C-alpha atoms as a PDB file:
ATOM      1  CA  MET A   1     -11.683 -16.743  29.586  1.00  0.00           C
ATOM      2  CA  ARG A   2     -12.488 -14.046  26.142  1.00  0.00           C
ATOM      3  CA  LYS A   3     -10.425 -15.024  23.296  1.00  0.00           C
ATOM      4  CA  GLU A   4      -8.076 -12.489  22.083  1.00  0.00           C
ATOM      5  CA  LYS A   5      -8.454 -10.117  18.910  1.00  0.00           C
ATOM      6  CA  VAL A   6      -6.689 -11.196  16.222  1.00  0.00           C
ATOM      7  CA  PHE A   7      -5.655  -8.469  14.274  1.00  0.00           C
ATOM      8  CA  LYS A   8      -3.944  -8.648  10.612  1.00  0.00           C
ATOM      9  CA  ILE A   9      -3.195  -5.127   9.565  1.00  0.00           C
ATOM     10  CA  PHE A  10      -2.213  -4.287   5.854  1.00  0.00           C
ATOM     11  CA  ILE A  11      -0.302  -1.296   5.509  1.00  0.00           C
ATOM     12  CA  ASP A  12       0.221   0.348   1.769  1.00  0.00           C
ATOM     13  CA  PHE A  13       3.597   2.009   1.415  1.00  0.00           C
ATOM     14  CA  ASP A  14       3.800   5.186  -0.778  1.00  0.00           C
ATOM     15  CA  GLY A  15       1.976   8.230   0.392  1.00  0.00           C
ATOM     16  CA  THR A  16       1.038   6.305   3.764  1.00  0.00           C
ATOM     17  CA  ILE A  17       4.303   4.921   5.641  1.00  0.00           C
ATOM     18  CA  THR A  18       6.072   8.008   3.078  1.00  0.00           C
ATOM     19  CA  LYS A  19       5.542  11.373   3.793  1.00  0.00           C
ATOM     20  CA  GLU A  20       4.493  11.449  -0.249  1.00  0.00           C
ATOM     21  CA  ASP A  21       4.496   8.959  -3.099  1.00  0.00           C
ATOM     22  CA  VAL A  22       8.175   7.974  -3.923  1.00  0.00           C
ATOM     23  CA  GLY A  23       7.301   5.888  -7.158  1.00  0.00           C
ATOM     24  CA  GLU A  24       5.413   9.420  -8.599  1.00  0.00           C
ATOM     25  CA  ALA A  25       8.127  11.725  -7.082  1.00  0.00           C
ATOM     26  CA  ILE A  26      11.033   9.676  -8.775  1.00  0.00           C
ATOM     27  CA  PHE A  27       9.230  10.044 -12.538  1.00  0.00           C
ATOM     28  CA  ARG A  28       8.256  13.575 -11.754  1.00  0.00           C
ATOM     29  CA  LYS A  29      12.216  13.944 -10.779  1.00  0.00           C
ATOM     30  CA  PHE A  30      13.713  12.268 -13.737  1.00  0.00           C
ATOM     31  CA  GLY A  31      11.343  12.472 -16.847  1.00  0.00           C
ATOM     32  CA  ASP A  32       9.065  14.770 -18.262  1.00  0.00           C
ATOM     33  CA  GLU A  33       6.470  16.030 -15.675  1.00  0.00           C
ATOM     34  CA  LYS A  34       3.981  16.683 -18.401  1.00  0.00           C
ATOM     35  CA  SER A  35       3.719  13.736 -19.789  1.00  0.00           C
ATOM     36  CA  VAL A  36       3.771  11.862 -15.903  1.00  0.00           C
ATOM     37  CA  ASN A  37       0.354  13.880 -15.672  1.00  0.00           C
ATOM     38  CA  GLU A  38      -1.198  12.572 -18.528  1.00  0.00           C
ATOM     39  CA  ILE A  39       0.032   9.127 -17.614  1.00  0.00           C
ATOM     40  CA  VAL A  40      -0.910   8.923 -14.322  1.00  0.00           C
ATOM     41  CA  ASP A  41      -4.473  11.246 -15.166  1.00  0.00           C
ATOM     42  CA  LYS A  42      -5.108   8.090 -17.442  1.00  0.00           C
ATOM     43  CA  LEU A  43      -4.635   5.578 -14.255  1.00  0.00           C
ATOM     44  CA  LEU A  44      -7.034   7.796 -12.152  1.00  0.00           C
ATOM     45  CA  GLN A  45      -9.789   8.110 -15.104  1.00  0.00           C
ATOM     46  CA  ASP A  46      -9.544   3.720 -15.185  1.00  0.00           C
ATOM     47  CA  LYS A  47      -8.077   4.240 -19.073  1.00  0.00           C
ATOM     48  CA  ILE A  48      -5.182   2.165 -17.887  1.00  0.00           C
ATOM     49  CA  SER A  49      -4.042  -0.505 -15.655  1.00  0.00           C
ATOM     50  CA  SER A  50      -2.002   0.088 -12.848  1.00  0.00           C
ATOM     51  CA  ARG A  51       1.182  -1.777 -14.610  1.00  0.00           C
ATOM     52  CA  GLN A  52       0.058  -0.097 -17.810  1.00  0.00           C
ATOM     53  CA  CYS A  53       1.269   2.831 -16.278  1.00  0.00           C
ATOM     54  CA  TRP A  54       4.223   1.544 -15.072  1.00  0.00           C
ATOM     55  CA  ASP A  55       5.799   0.818 -18.190  1.00  0.00           C
ATOM     56  CA  GLU A  56       4.829   3.876 -19.831  1.00  0.00           C
ATOM     57  CA  LEU A  57       6.802   6.116 -16.527  1.00  0.00           C
ATOM     58  CA  CYS A  58       9.531   3.862 -16.889  1.00  0.00           C
ATOM     59  CA  GLY A  59       9.606   4.233 -20.803  1.00  0.00           C
ATOM     60  CA  LEU A  60      10.199   8.475 -20.231  1.00  0.00           C
ATOM     61  CA  ILE A  61      13.495   8.004 -18.120  1.00  0.00           C
ATOM     62  CA  LYS A  62      16.362   7.254 -20.643  1.00  0.00           C
ATOM     63  CA  ASN A  63      19.431   6.432 -19.007  1.00  0.00           C
ATOM     64  CA  PRO A  64      19.193   7.337 -15.544  1.00  0.00           C
ATOM     65  CA  ASP A  65      22.361   8.170 -13.456  1.00  0.00           C
ATOM     66  CA  GLN A  66      21.583   5.961 -10.542  1.00  0.00           C
ATOM     67  CA  THR A  67      23.520   8.121  -7.894  1.00  0.00           C
ATOM     68  CA  LYS A  68      21.401  10.761  -8.721  1.00  0.00           C
ATOM     69  CA  LEU A  69      18.429   9.025  -8.384  1.00  0.00           C
ATOM     70  CA  ASP A  70      20.056   7.403  -4.711  1.00  0.00           C
ATOM     71  CA  ASP A  71      20.523  10.833  -3.555  1.00  0.00           C
ATOM     72  CA  PHE A  72      16.843  12.154  -4.118  1.00  0.00           C
ATOM     73  CA  ILE A  73      15.376   8.705  -2.588  1.00  0.00           C
ATOM     74  CA  ASP A  74      17.822   9.500   0.469  1.00  0.00           C
ATOM     75  CA  SER A  75      15.937  13.085   0.400  1.00  0.00           C
ATOM     76  CA  LEU A  76      12.776  11.416   1.114  1.00  0.00           C
ATOM     77  CA  GLU A  77      11.415  10.431   4.056  1.00  0.00           C
ATOM     78  CA  ILE A  78       9.382   7.535   6.247  1.00  0.00           C
ATOM     79  CA  GLU A  79       6.622   8.939   8.616  1.00  0.00           C
ATOM     80  CA  PRO A  80       7.924   9.040  11.921  1.00  0.00           C
ATOM     81  CA  THR A  81       5.117   7.408  13.539  1.00  0.00           C
ATOM     82  CA  PHE A  82       5.204   4.630  11.398  1.00  0.00           C
ATOM     83  CA  VAL A  83       8.135   2.899  13.652  1.00  0.00           C
ATOM     84  CA  THR A  84       6.000   3.700  16.845  1.00  0.00           C
ATOM     85  CA  PHE A  85       3.439   1.666  15.345  1.00  0.00           C
ATOM     86  CA  ILE A  86       6.169  -0.753  14.326  1.00  0.00           C
ATOM     87  CA  LYS A  87       6.005  -1.763  18.463  1.00  0.00           C
ATOM     88  CA  PHE A  88       2.590  -1.119  19.243  1.00  0.00           C
ATOM     89  CA  CYS A  89       1.809  -3.963  16.286  1.00  0.00           C
ATOM     90  CA  ASN A  90       4.723  -6.360  17.775  1.00  0.00           C
ATOM     91  CA  ASP A  91       4.020  -5.652  21.831  1.00  0.00           C
ATOM     92  CA  ASN A  92      -0.247  -6.673  21.051  1.00  0.00           C
ATOM     93  CA  LYS A  93       1.537  -9.364  18.596  1.00  0.00           C
ATOM     94  CA  PHE A  94      -0.713  -8.508  15.864  1.00  0.00           C
ATOM     95  CA  ASP A  95       0.425  -9.557  12.115  1.00  0.00           C
ATOM     96  CA  PHE A  96       1.474  -6.688   9.537  1.00  0.00           C
ATOM     97  CA  ILE A  97       2.303  -6.967   5.793  1.00  0.00           C
ATOM     98  CA  VAL A  98       3.214  -3.706   3.907  1.00  0.00           C
ATOM     99  CA  LEU A  99       1.494  -3.897   0.328  1.00  0.00           C
ATOM    100  CA  SER A 100       3.033  -1.824  -1.565  1.00  0.00           C
ATOM    101  CA  ASP A 101       1.820  -1.026  -5.721  1.00  0.00           C
ATOM    102  CA  GLY A 102       5.615   0.629  -5.915  1.00  0.00           C
ATOM    103  CA  PHE A 103       9.105  -0.835  -5.902  1.00  0.00           C
ATOM    104  CA  ASP A 104      11.199  -2.922  -3.881  1.00  0.00           C
ATOM    105  CA  TYR A 105      14.250  -0.782  -4.607  1.00  0.00           C
ATOM    106  CA  TYR A 106      13.225   2.377  -2.696  1.00  0.00           C
ATOM    107  CA  ILE A 107      11.107   0.325   0.046  1.00  0.00           C
ATOM    108  CA  GLU A 108      14.223  -1.276   0.975  1.00  0.00           C
ATOM    109  CA  ARG A 109      16.231   2.371   0.787  1.00  0.00           C
ATOM    110  CA  LEU A 110      14.360   4.121   2.590  1.00  0.00           C
ATOM    111  CA  PHE A 111      13.539   1.376   5.422  1.00  0.00           C
ATOM    112  CA  LYS A 112      17.170   0.915   5.752  1.00  0.00           C
ATOM    113  CA  LYS A 113      17.313   4.612   6.239  1.00  0.00           C
ATOM    114  CA  ALA A 114      15.306   4.542   9.030  1.00  0.00           C
ATOM    115  CA  GLY A 115      16.423   1.756  11.033  1.00  0.00           C
ATOM    116  CA  ILE A 116      13.517  -0.510   9.766  1.00  0.00           C
ATOM    117  CA  ALA A 117      14.138  -4.280   9.357  1.00  0.00           C
ATOM    118  CA  ASN A 118      12.740  -7.461   9.172  1.00  0.00           C
ATOM    119  CA  VAL A 119       9.271  -5.565   7.725  1.00  0.00           C
ATOM    120  CA  LYS A 120       7.545  -8.484   5.715  1.00  0.00           C
ATOM    121  CA  TYR A 121       6.484  -6.684   2.476  1.00  0.00           C
ATOM    122  CA  TYR A 122       4.858  -7.544  -1.125  1.00  0.00           C
ATOM    123  CA  SER A 123       5.749  -4.977  -4.329  1.00  0.00           C
ATOM    124  CA  ASN A 124       6.764  -4.936  -7.702  1.00  0.00           C
ATOM    125  CA  LYS A 125      10.392  -4.991  -8.725  1.00  0.00           C
ATOM    126  CA  LEU A 126      12.656  -1.930 -10.157  1.00  0.00           C
ATOM    127  CA  PHE A 127      15.655  -3.171 -11.907  1.00  0.00           C
ATOM    128  CA  ILE A 128      18.379   0.385 -12.878  1.00  0.00           C
ATOM    129  CA  ASP A 129      20.665   0.416 -16.342  1.00  0.00           C
ATOM    130  CA  GLU A 130      22.187   3.417 -16.667  1.00  0.00           C
ATOM    131  CA  VAL A 131      22.369   2.316 -20.436  1.00  0.00           C
ATOM    132  CA  LYS A 132      18.948   0.411 -20.899  1.00  0.00           C
ATOM    133  CA  GLY A 133      17.016   2.436 -19.078  1.00  0.00           C
ATOM    134  CA  LEU A 134      14.365   1.121 -16.326  1.00  0.00           C
ATOM    135  CA  SER A 135      12.804  -2.014 -16.292  1.00  0.00           C
ATOM    136  CA  VAL A 136      10.233  -3.954 -14.069  1.00  0.00           C
ATOM    137  CA  THR A 137       8.684  -6.927 -12.883  1.00  0.00           C
ATOM    138  CA  TYR A 138       5.572  -7.544 -11.718  1.00  0.00           C
ATOM    139  CA  PRO A 139       6.108 -11.198  -9.670  1.00  0.00           C
ATOM    140  CA  TYR A 140       1.919 -10.850  -7.903  1.00  0.00           C
ATOM    141  CA  TYR A 141       0.330  -9.268 -10.773  1.00  0.00           C
ATOM    142  CA  ASP A 142      -3.078 -10.844 -11.273  1.00  0.00           C
ATOM    143  CA  ALA A 143      -5.420  -8.957 -14.824  1.00  0.00           C
ATOM    144  CA  ASP A 144      -8.613  -9.185 -12.930  1.00  0.00           C
ATOM    145  CA  SER A 145      -7.083  -6.762 -10.440  1.00  0.00           C
ATOM    146  CA  PRO A 146      -5.927  -3.489 -12.923  1.00  0.00           C
ATOM    147  CA  THR A 147      -5.735  -1.084 -10.080  1.00  0.00           C
ATOM    148  CA  SER A 148      -2.401  -2.526  -8.453  1.00  0.00           C
ATOM    149  CA  ALA A 149      -0.091  -4.486 -10.607  1.00  0.00           C
ATOM    150  CA  ASN A 150       1.531  -6.346  -7.352  1.00  0.00           C
ATOM    151  CA  CYS A 151      -2.607  -7.713  -6.570  1.00  0.00           C
ATOM    152  CA  LYS A 152      -3.107  -6.578  -2.939  1.00  0.00           C
ATOM    153  CA  LYS A 153      -6.532  -8.281  -2.490  1.00  0.00           C
ATOM    154  CA  ASN A 154      -3.906 -12.084  -3.629  1.00  0.00           C
ATOM    155  CA  HIS A 155      -2.198 -10.555  -0.391  1.00  0.00           C
ATOM    156  CA  ILE A 156      -5.003 -10.002   1.892  1.00  0.00           C
ATOM    157  CA  ILE A 157      -6.886 -13.385   1.124  1.00  0.00           C
ATOM    158  CA  ASN A 158      -3.606 -15.604   1.620  1.00  0.00           C
ATOM    159  CA  HIS A 159      -2.694 -14.051   4.532  1.00  0.00           C
ATOM    160  CA  SER A 160      -5.788 -13.989   6.694  1.00  0.00           C
ATOM    161  CA  SER A 161      -8.627 -16.351   7.807  1.00  0.00           C
ATOM    162  CA  ASP A 162     -11.850 -15.913   8.633  1.00  0.00           C
ATOM    163  CA  ASP A 163     -11.178 -15.511  12.583  1.00  0.00           C
ATOM    164  CA  ASP A 164      -8.864 -12.622  11.878  1.00  0.00           C
ATOM    165  CA  TYR A 165     -10.002  -9.008  12.276  1.00  0.00           C
ATOM    166  CA  THR A 166      -8.568  -7.358   8.882  1.00  0.00           C
ATOM    167  CA  VAL A 167      -7.697  -3.708   9.208  1.00  0.00           C
ATOM    168  CA  TYR A 168      -6.383  -1.878   5.869  1.00  0.00           C
ATOM    169  CA  ILE A 169      -4.179   1.483   6.134  1.00  0.00           C
ATOM    170  CA  GLY A 170      -3.968   3.327   2.729  1.00  0.00           C
ATOM    171  CA  ASP A 171      -4.254   6.592   1.112  1.00  0.00           C
ATOM    172  CA  GLY A 172      -4.742   6.362  -2.955  1.00  0.00           C
ATOM    173  CA  ASN A 173      -5.514   4.197  -5.763  1.00  0.00           C
ATOM    174  CA  SER A 174      -3.679   1.403  -5.360  1.00  0.00           C
ATOM    175  CA  ASP A 175      -6.254   0.243  -2.430  1.00  0.00           C
ATOM    176  CA  LYS A 176      -9.342   0.638  -3.327  1.00  0.00           C
ATOM    177  CA  ASP A 177     -10.007  -2.224  -4.445  1.00  0.00           C
ATOM    178  CA  ALA A 178      -8.050  -4.379  -1.717  1.00  0.00           C
ATOM    179  CA  ALA A 179      -9.489  -2.270   1.096  1.00  0.00           C
ATOM    180  CA  GLN A 180     -13.255  -3.685   0.217  1.00  0.00           C
ATOM    181  CA  TYR A 181     -11.894  -7.401   1.554  1.00  0.00           C
ATOM    182  CA  CYS A 182     -10.519  -5.499   5.558  1.00  0.00           C
ATOM    183  CA  ASP A 183     -12.838  -5.221   8.192  1.00  0.00           C
ATOM    184  CA  PHE A 184     -12.320  -1.914   9.311  1.00  0.00           C
ATOM    185  CA  ILE A 185      -9.917   0.635   6.575  1.00  0.00           C
ATOM    186  CA  PHE A 186      -8.541   3.681   7.603  1.00  0.00           C
ATOM    187  CA  ALA A 187      -7.899   5.972   4.489  1.00  0.00           C
ATOM    188  CA  LYS A 188      -7.247   9.435   3.921  1.00  0.00           C
ATOM    189  CA  LYS A 189      -6.827  11.485   0.378  1.00  0.00           C
ATOM    190  CA  GLY A 190      -7.615   9.455  -2.854  1.00  0.00           C
ATOM    191  CA  LEU A 191      -8.938   6.157  -0.919  1.00  0.00           C
ATOM    192  CA  ALA A 192     -11.206   8.688   1.334  1.00  0.00           C
ATOM    193  CA  ARG A 193     -13.086  10.060  -1.763  1.00  0.00           C
ATOM    194  CA  PHE A 194     -13.275   6.580  -3.084  1.00  0.00           C
ATOM    195  CA  CYS A 195     -14.416   5.187   0.561  1.00  0.00           C
ATOM    196  CA  SER A 196     -17.116   8.059   0.857  1.00  0.00           C
ATOM    197  CA  MET A 197     -18.629   7.998  -2.752  1.00  0.00           C
ATOM    198  CA  GLU A 198     -18.992   4.009  -2.491  1.00  0.00           C
ATOM    199  CA  ARG A 199     -20.522   4.758   1.360  1.00  0.00           C
ATOM    200  CA  ILE A 200     -18.026   2.259   2.655  1.00  0.00           C
ATOM    201  CA  SER A 201     -17.302   2.851   5.869  1.00  0.00           C
ATOM    202  CA  PHE A 202     -13.507   4.063   7.084  1.00  0.00           C
ATOM    203  CA  TYR A 203     -12.217   5.852   9.868  1.00  0.00           C
ATOM    204  CA  PRO A 204      -9.685   8.827   8.685  1.00  0.00           C
ATOM    205  CA  PHE A 205      -6.505   9.147   9.145  1.00  0.00           C
ATOM    206  CA  ASN A 206      -3.598  11.855   9.400  1.00  0.00           C
ATOM    207  CA  ASN A 207      -0.639   9.560  10.666  1.00  0.00           C
ATOM    208  CA  PHE A 208      -0.080   5.964  12.368  1.00  0.00           C
ATOM    209  CA  ASP A 209      -0.498   7.722  15.972  1.00  0.00           C
ATOM    210  CA  ASP A 210      -4.607   7.880  15.134  1.00  0.00           C
ATOM    211  CA  VAL A 211      -4.458   4.714  13.346  1.00  0.00           C
ATOM    212  CA  GLN A 212      -2.974   3.219  17.201  1.00  0.00           C
ATOM    213  CA  GLN A 213      -5.582   5.447  18.879  1.00  0.00           C
ATOM    214  CA  LYS A 214      -8.471   3.629  17.380  1.00  0.00           C
ATOM    215  CA  LEU A 215      -7.202  -0.126  17.317  1.00  0.00           C
ATOM    216  CA  MET A 216      -6.690   0.554  21.271  1.00  0.00           C
ATOM    217  CA  GLU A 217      -9.906   1.160  21.034  1.00  0.00           C
ATOM    218  CA  LEU A 218     -11.598  -1.291  18.840  1.00  0.00           C
ATOM    219  CA  MET A 219      -9.493  -4.045  21.045  1.00  0.00           C
ATOM    220  CA  SER A 220     -10.991  -2.723  24.053  1.00  0.00           C
ATOM    221  CA  LYS A 221     -14.422  -3.761  22.617  1.00  0.00           C
ATOM    222  CA  LYS A 222     -16.192  -6.610  23.743  1.00  0.00           C
ATOM    223  CA  ASN A 223     -18.345  -7.368  20.851  1.00  0.00           C
ATOM    224  CA  LEU A 224     -16.346  -5.997  17.504  1.00  0.00           C
ATOM    225  CA  ARG A 225     -18.378  -6.666  14.815  1.00  0.00           C
ATOM    226  CA  LYS A 226     -16.922  -7.359  11.524  1.00  0.00           C
ATOM    227  CA  ARG A 227     -17.638  -5.037   8.074  1.00  0.00           C
ATOM    228  CA  HIS A 228     -20.200  -8.031   6.566  1.00  0.00           C
ATOM    229  CA  GLN A 229     -19.169  -6.424   2.835  1.00  0.00           C
ATOM    230  CA  ALA A 230     -16.415  -7.412   3.672  1.00  0.00           C
ATOM    231  CA  GLN A 231     -16.922 -10.219   4.757  1.00  0.00           C
ATOM    232  CA  LEU A 232     -18.792 -11.637   1.671  1.00  0.00           C
ATOM    233  CA  LYS A 233     -16.108 -11.053  -0.435  1.00  0.00           C
ATOM    234  CA  ARG A 234     -13.705 -12.929   1.426  1.00  0.00           C
ATOM    235  CA  LYS A 235     -16.036 -15.692   1.228  1.00  0.00           C
ATOM    236  CA  SER A 236     -16.220 -15.231  -2.274  1.00  0.00           C
ATOM    237  CA  ALA A 237     -11.989 -14.930  -2.901  1.00  0.00           C
ATOM    238  CA  TYR A 238     -11.568 -18.282  -0.655  1.00  0.00           C
ATOM    239  CA  LEU A 239     -14.400 -20.082  -2.681  1.00  0.00           C
ATOM    240  CA  ALA A 240     -12.339 -19.046  -5.384  1.00  0.00           C
ATOM    241  CA  GLU A 241      -9.553 -20.627  -4.150  1.00  0.00           C
END
């Protein structure tokens, strides 16, 4: 009997599950856009870490109006094909985890709005005080992973084994380190540009229908090979634990 392929799927949130980057959109809406652009540019040029970026962005918003913030979050949308992708994963018994360098506050709110429940995710935590402003905690921070304040690489290592085929789906700066630990990368926007520059193989995608179609093709292959460089990176990480 042929052994069933076990896929472990790791999915970015902002700009991947959502139609736009929610975290960035919030700070552009309620902060000074010029300052937001300067801070984000420093992040993309590797002049500051993701954690420093969030701390600086939070400092831009004084006396936040929680009702207006909630209304703005509610105006943003989940990519509709993500809902059907959840069913596809559940039907095939594929474990999937959302790895976000954004915040639990809007992830929970947007999932609830879309009727999405029982999805495992890891993120940073956002607290809103209309007098004191915004504050953030980073429960999964790792100083060795500056591109994501929520160390996505560590979650991949902790939730996969040598027997798994690992899949990463993402679009941006916080994904470029973590994706390298996965066998199959689905990339768009900044992550796709990074993979192209670094000559890392990936599948371009527009939405989760594209991902589902490609995964079905991979499932049907008799001899499915893992990405060698990803295996080496995972092996090194396992040995370091």
